[in-house]
PDB file of N, CA and C in Angstrom:
ATOM      1  N   UNK A   1      49.216  36.158  65.066  1.00  0.00           N
ATOM      2  CA  UNK A   1      49.440  34.946  64.288  1.00  0.00           C
ATOM      3  C   UNK A   1      49.082  33.723  65.141  1.00  0.00           C
ATOM      4  N   UNK A   2      48.490  32.752  64.508  1.00  0.00           N
ATOM      5  CA  UNK A   2      48.080  31.522  65.180  1.00  0.00           C
ATOM      6  C   UNK A   2      49.316  30.726  65.634  1.00  0.00           C
ATOM      7  N   UNK A   3      49.216  30.092  66.787  1.00  0.00           N
ATOM      8  CA  UNK A   3      50.342  29.334  67.352  1.00  0.00           C
ATOM      9  C   UNK A   3      50.865  28.293  66.368  1.00  0.00           C
ATOM     10  N   UNK A   4      49.976  27.646  65.653  1.00  0.00           N
ATOM     11  CA  UNK A   4      50.364  26.626  64.678  1.00  0.00           C
ATOM     12  C   UNK A   4      51.296  27.225  63.617  1.00  0.00           C
ATOM     13  N   UNK A   5      50.948  28.403  63.131  1.00  0.00           N
ATOM     14  CA  UNK A   5      51.766  29.075  62.117  1.00  0.00           C
ATOM     15  C   UNK A   5      53.113  29.509  62.689  1.00  0.00           C
ATOM     16  N   UNK A   6      53.109  29.963  63.929  1.00  0.00           N
ATOM     17  CA  UNK A   6      54.354  30.381  64.582  1.00  0.00           C
ATOM     18  C   UNK A   6      55.301  29.191  64.716  1.00  0.00           C
ATOM     19  N   UNK A   7      54.778  28.058  65.162  1.00  0.00           N
ATOM     20  CA  UNK A   7      55.597  26.855  65.328  1.00  0.00           C
ATOM     21  C   UNK A   7      56.174  26.421  63.980  1.00  0.00           C
ATOM     22  N   UNK A   8      55.356  26.418  62.947  1.00  0.00           N
ATOM     23  CA  UNK A   8      55.822  26.020  61.619  1.00  0.00           C
ATOM     24  C   UNK A   8      56.901  26.974  61.113  1.00  0.00           C
ATOM     25  N   UNK A   9      56.728  28.269  61.328  1.00  0.00           N
ATOM     26  CA  UNK A   9      57.731  29.251  60.906  1.00  0.00           C
ATOM     27  C   UNK A   9      59.051  29.054  61.644  1.00  0.00           C
ATOM     28  N   UNK A  10      58.991  28.765  62.939  1.00  0.00           N
ATOM     29  CA  UNK A  10      60.209  28.514  63.721  1.00  0.00           C
ATOM     30  C   UNK A  10      60.954  27.320  63.143  1.00  0.00           C
ATOM     31  N   UNK A  11      60.225  26.242  62.852  1.00  0.00           N
ATOM     32  CA  UNK A  11      60.854  25.037  62.318  1.00  0.00           C
ATOM     33  C   UNK A  11      61.486  25.303  60.949  1.00  0.00           C
ATOM     34  N   UNK A  12      60.792  26.073  60.107  1.00  0.00           N
ATOM     35  CA  UNK A  12      61.340  26.392  58.783  1.00  0.00           C
ATOM     36  C   UNK A  12      62.569  27.283  58.901  1.00  0.00           C
ATOM     37  N   UNK A  13      62.496  28.280  59.771  1.00  0.00           N
ATOM     38  CA  UNK A  13      63.593  29.233  59.932  1.00  0.00           C
ATOM     39  C   UNK A  13      64.851  28.565  60.481  1.00  0.00           C
ATOM     40  N   UNK A  14      64.691  27.684  61.466  1.00  0.00           N
ATOM     41  CA  UNK A  14      65.845  27.031  62.087  1.00  0.00           C
ATOM     42  C   UNK A  14      66.516  26.038  61.144  1.00  0.00           C
ATOM     43  N   UNK A  15      65.731  25.385  60.311  1.00  0.00           N
ATOM     44  CA  UNK A  15      66.286  24.501  59.299  1.00  0.00           C
ATOM     45  C   UNK A  15      66.803  23.162  59.798  1.00  0.00           C
ATOM     46  N   UNK A  16      66.558  22.837  61.049  1.00  0.00           N
ATOM     47  CA  UNK A  16      66.933  21.529  61.582  1.00  0.00           C
ATOM     48  C   UNK A  16      65.905  21.106  62.618  1.00  0.00           C
ATOM     49  N   UNK A  17      65.940  19.846  62.982  1.00  0.00           N
ATOM     50  CA  UNK A  17      64.955  19.298  63.915  1.00  0.00           C
ATOM     51  C   UNK A  17      65.086  19.916  65.311  1.00  0.00           C
ATOM     52  N   UNK A  18      63.945  20.223  65.902  1.00  0.00           N
ATOM     53  CA  UNK A  18      63.883  20.804  67.251  1.00  0.00           C
ATOM     54  C   UNK A  18      62.899  20.012  68.096  1.00  0.00           C
ATOM     55  N   UNK A  19      63.099  20.043  69.411  1.00  0.00           N
ATOM     56  CA  UNK A  19      62.098  19.440  70.292  1.00  0.00           C
ATOM     57  C   UNK A  19      61.151  20.537  70.779  1.00  0.00           C
ATOM     58  N   UNK A  20      60.094  20.147  71.446  1.00  0.00           N
ATOM     59  CA  UNK A  20      59.072  21.104  71.878  1.00  0.00           C
ATOM     60  C   UNK A  20      59.642  22.177  72.812  1.00  0.00           C
ATOM     61  N   UNK A  21      60.577  21.792  73.677  1.00  0.00           N
ATOM     62  CA  UNK A  21      61.190  22.757  74.593  1.00  0.00           C
ATOM     63  C   UNK A  21      61.953  23.846  73.849  1.00  0.00           C
ATOM     64  N   UNK A  22      62.673  23.448  72.809  1.00  0.00           N
ATOM     65  CA  UNK A  22      63.425  24.425  72.014  1.00  0.00           C
ATOM     66  C   UNK A  22      62.475  25.343  71.255  1.00  0.00           C
ATOM     67  N   UNK A  23      61.400  24.786  70.729  1.00  0.00           N
ATOM     68  CA  UNK A  23      60.406  25.598  70.019  1.00  0.00           C
ATOM     69  C   UNK A  23      59.768  26.596  70.976  1.00  0.00           C
ATOM     70  N   UNK A  24      59.487  26.159  72.197  1.00  0.00           N
ATOM     71  CA  UNK A  24      58.913  27.040  73.217  1.00  0.00           C
ATOM     72  C   UNK A  24      59.846  28.212  73.501  1.00  0.00           C
ATOM     73  N   UNK A  25      61.136  27.932  73.676  1.00  0.00           N
ATOM     74  CA  UNK A  25      62.128  28.982  73.944  1.00  0.00           C
ATOM     75  C   UNK A  25      62.227  29.981  72.805  1.00  0.00           C
ATOM     76  N   UNK A  26      62.325  29.479  71.591  1.00  0.00           N
ATOM     77  CA  UNK A  26      62.518  30.337  70.422  1.00  0.00           C
ATOM     78  C   UNK A  26      61.281  31.182  70.131  1.00  0.00           C
ATOM     79  N   UNK A  27      60.104  30.563  70.219  1.00  0.00           N
ATOM     80  CA  UNK A  27      58.864  31.244  69.835  1.00  0.00           C
ATOM     81  C   UNK A  27      58.307  32.157  70.921  1.00  0.00           C
ATOM     82  N   UNK A  28      58.615  31.842  72.179  1.00  0.00           N
ATOM     83  CA  UNK A  28      58.043  32.618  73.275  1.00  0.00           C
ATOM     84  C   UNK A  28      56.622  32.200  73.617  1.00  0.00           C
ATOM     85  N   UNK A  29      56.135  31.157  72.972  1.00  0.00           N
ATOM     86  CA  UNK A  29      54.791  30.650  73.259  1.00  0.00           C
ATOM     87  C   UNK A  29      54.806  29.802  74.526  1.00  0.00           C
ATOM     88  N   UNK A  30      53.633  29.594  75.101  1.00  0.00           N
ATOM     89  CA  UNK A  30      53.466  28.712  76.238  1.00  0.00           C
ATOM     90  C   UNK A  30      53.629  27.267  75.770  1.00  0.00           C
ATOM     91  N   UNK A  31      54.186  26.411  76.601  1.00  0.00           N
ATOM     92  CA  UNK A  31      54.436  25.015  76.223  1.00  0.00           C
ATOM     93  C   UNK A  31      53.153  24.311  75.798  1.00  0.00           C
ATOM     94  N   UNK A  32      52.051  24.580  76.482  1.00  0.00           N
ATOM     95  CA  UNK A  32      50.784  23.933  76.122  1.00  0.00           C
ATOM     96  C   UNK A  32      50.339  24.344  74.716  1.00  0.00           C
ATOM     97  N   UNK A  33      50.562  25.617  74.373  1.00  0.00           N
ATOM     98  CA  UNK A  33      50.218  26.097  73.023  1.00  0.00           C
ATOM     99  C   UNK A  33      51.073  25.390  71.976  1.00  0.00           C
ATOM    100  N   UNK A  34      52.366  25.226  72.277  1.00  0.00           N
ATOM    101  CA  UNK A  34      53.283  24.560  71.352  1.00  0.00           C
ATOM    102  C   UNK A  34      52.859  23.110  71.159  1.00  0.00           C
ATOM    103  N   UNK A  35      52.566  22.409  72.237  1.00  0.00           N
ATOM    104  CA  UNK A  35      52.145  21.012  72.146  1.00  0.00           C
ATOM    105  C   UNK A  35      50.868  20.867  71.316  1.00  0.00           C
ATOM    106  N   UNK A  36      49.916  21.752  71.540  1.00  0.00           N
ATOM    107  CA  UNK A  36      48.655  21.709  70.801  1.00  0.00           C
ATOM    108  C   UNK A  36      48.894  21.994  69.314  1.00  0.00           C
ATOM    109  N   UNK A  37      49.730  22.985  69.027  1.00  0.00           N
ATOM    110  CA  UNK A  37      50.037  23.345  67.644  1.00  0.00           C
ATOM    111  C   UNK A  37      50.767  22.198  66.935  1.00  0.00           C
ATOM    112  N   UNK A  38      51.707  21.570  67.638  1.00  0.00           N
ATOM    113  CA  UNK A  38      52.462  20.470  67.044  1.00  0.00           C
ATOM    114  C   UNK A  38      51.554  19.275  66.760  1.00  0.00           C
ATOM    115  N   UNK A  39      50.605  19.022  67.632  1.00  0.00           N
ATOM    116  CA  UNK A  39      49.647  17.924  67.407  1.00  0.00           C
ATOM    117  C   UNK A  39      48.864  18.179  66.119  1.00  0.00           C
ATOM    118  N   UNK A  40      48.409  19.409  65.942  1.00  0.00           N
ATOM    119  CA  UNK A  40      47.658  19.760  64.730  1.00  0.00           C
ATOM    120  C   UNK A  40      48.544  19.651  63.489  1.00  0.00           C
ATOM    121  N   UNK A  41      49.774  20.119  63.584  1.00  0.00           N
ATOM    122  CA  UNK A  41      50.695  20.050  62.447  1.00  0.00           C
ATOM    123  C   UNK A  41      51.030  18.603  62.077  1.00  0.00           C
ATOM    124  N   UNK A  42      51.149  17.733  63.082  1.00  0.00           N
ATOM    125  CA  UNK A  42      51.397  16.308  62.822  1.00  0.00           C
ATOM    126  C   UNK A  42      50.215  15.698  62.076  1.00  0.00           C
ATOM    127  N   UNK A  43      48.996  16.023  62.526  1.00  0.00           N
ATOM    128  CA  UNK A  43      47.791  15.490  61.895  1.00  0.00           C
ATOM    129  C   UNK A  43      47.664  15.956  60.447  1.00  0.00           C
ATOM    130  N   UNK A  44      48.110  17.180  60.176  1.00  0.00           N
ATOM    131  CA  UNK A  44      48.056  17.734  58.819  1.00  0.00           C
ATOM    132  C   UNK A  44      49.274  17.327  57.989  1.00  0.00           C
ATOM    133  N   UNK A  45      50.175  16.565  58.606  1.00  0.00           N
ATOM    134  CA  UNK A  45      51.396  16.086  57.960  1.00  0.00           C
ATOM    135  C   UNK A  45      52.268  17.226  57.430  1.00  0.00           C
ATOM    136  N   UNK A  46      52.342  18.326  58.196  1.00  0.00           N
ATOM    137  CA  UNK A  46      53.189  19.460  57.831  1.00  0.00           C
ATOM    138  C   UNK A  46      54.544  19.398  58.518  1.00  0.00           C
ATOM    139  N   UNK A  47      54.659  18.521  59.540  1.00  0.00           N
ATOM    140  CA  UNK A  47      55.943  18.322  60.207  1.00  0.00           C
ATOM    141  C   UNK A  47      56.232  16.826  60.268  1.00  0.00           C
ATOM    142  N   UNK A  48      57.515  16.504  60.283  1.00  0.00           N
ATOM    143  CA  UNK A  48      57.942  15.107  60.349  1.00  0.00           C
ATOM    144  C   UNK A  48      58.976  14.956  61.455  1.00  0.00           C
ATOM    145  N   UNK A  49      59.124  13.731  61.932  1.00  0.00           N
ATOM    146  CA  UNK A  49      60.062  13.452  63.013  1.00  0.00           C
ATOM    147  C   UNK A  49      61.231  12.603  62.502  1.00  0.00           C
ATOM    148  N   UNK A  50      62.417  13.227  62.353  1.00  0.00           N
ATOM    149  CA  UNK A  50      63.579  12.463  61.907  1.00  0.00           C
ATOM    150  C   UNK A  50      64.155  11.573  63.013  1.00  0.00           C
ATOM    151  N   UNK A  51      63.879  11.940  64.268  1.00  0.00           N
ATOM    152  CA  UNK A  51      64.282  11.116  65.402  1.00  0.00           C
ATOM    153  C   UNK A  51      63.324  11.392  66.555  1.00  0.00           C
ATOM    154  N   UNK A  52      63.278  10.485  67.489  1.00  0.00           N
ATOM    155  CA  UNK A  52      62.320  10.550  68.593  1.00  0.00           C
ATOM    156  C   UNK A  52      62.321  11.922  69.289  1.00  0.00           C
ATOM    157  N   UNK A  53      61.127  12.493  69.412  1.00  0.00           N
ATOM    158  CA  UNK A  53      60.878  13.754  70.131  1.00  0.00           C
ATOM    159  C   UNK A  53      61.435  14.994  69.426  1.00  0.00           C
ATOM    160  N   UNK A  54      61.908  14.872  68.224  1.00  0.00           N
ATOM    161  CA  UNK A  54      62.384  16.022  67.456  1.00  0.00           C
ATOM    162  C   UNK A  54      61.566  16.127  66.182  1.00  0.00           C
ATOM    163  N   UNK A  55      61.283  17.367  65.806  1.00  0.00           N
ATOM    164  CA  UNK A  55      60.414  17.612  64.648  1.00  0.00           C
ATOM    165  C   UNK A  55      61.023  18.659  63.740  1.00  0.00           C
ATOM    166  N   UNK A  56      60.676  18.563  62.451  1.00  0.00           N
ATOM    167  CA  UNK A  56      61.098  19.558  61.485  1.00  0.00           C
ATOM    168  C   UNK A  56      59.986  19.724  60.450  1.00  0.00           C
ATOM    169  N   UNK A  57      60.016  20.851  59.743  1.00  0.00           N
ATOM    170  CA  UNK A  57      59.023  21.117  58.723  1.00  0.00           C
ATOM    171  C   UNK A  57      59.212  20.127  57.579  1.00  0.00           C
ATOM    172  N   UNK A  58      58.108  19.646  57.053  1.00  0.00           N
ATOM    173  CA  UNK A  58      58.154  18.700  55.944  1.00  0.00           C
ATOM    174  C   UNK A  58      58.588  19.431  54.673  1.00  0.00           C
ATOM    175  N   UNK A  59      59.459  18.801  53.904  1.00  0.00           N
ATOM    176  CA  UNK A  59      59.941  19.407  52.659  1.00  0.00           C
ATOM    177  C   UNK A  59      58.806  19.477  51.641  1.00  0.00           C
ATOM    178  N   UNK A  60      58.834  20.544  50.851  1.00  0.00           N
ATOM    179  CA  UNK A  60      57.849  20.674  49.773  1.00  0.00           C
ATOM    180  C   UNK A  60      56.732  21.490  50.182  1.00  0.00           C
TER     181      UNK A  60
END
């Protein structure tokens, strides 16, 4: 599975905002992979930031 999809699934499964470090721990991915995946997800507007440095899956 692509890192982007893994990150999105982690965010959906957890159901609350997480930072990149928490996503790295939960997913088992390398931090650089998580950062790259999150950048792509932000550009595609699939994740939103309710507070600084924390992200969650966009509703809908």
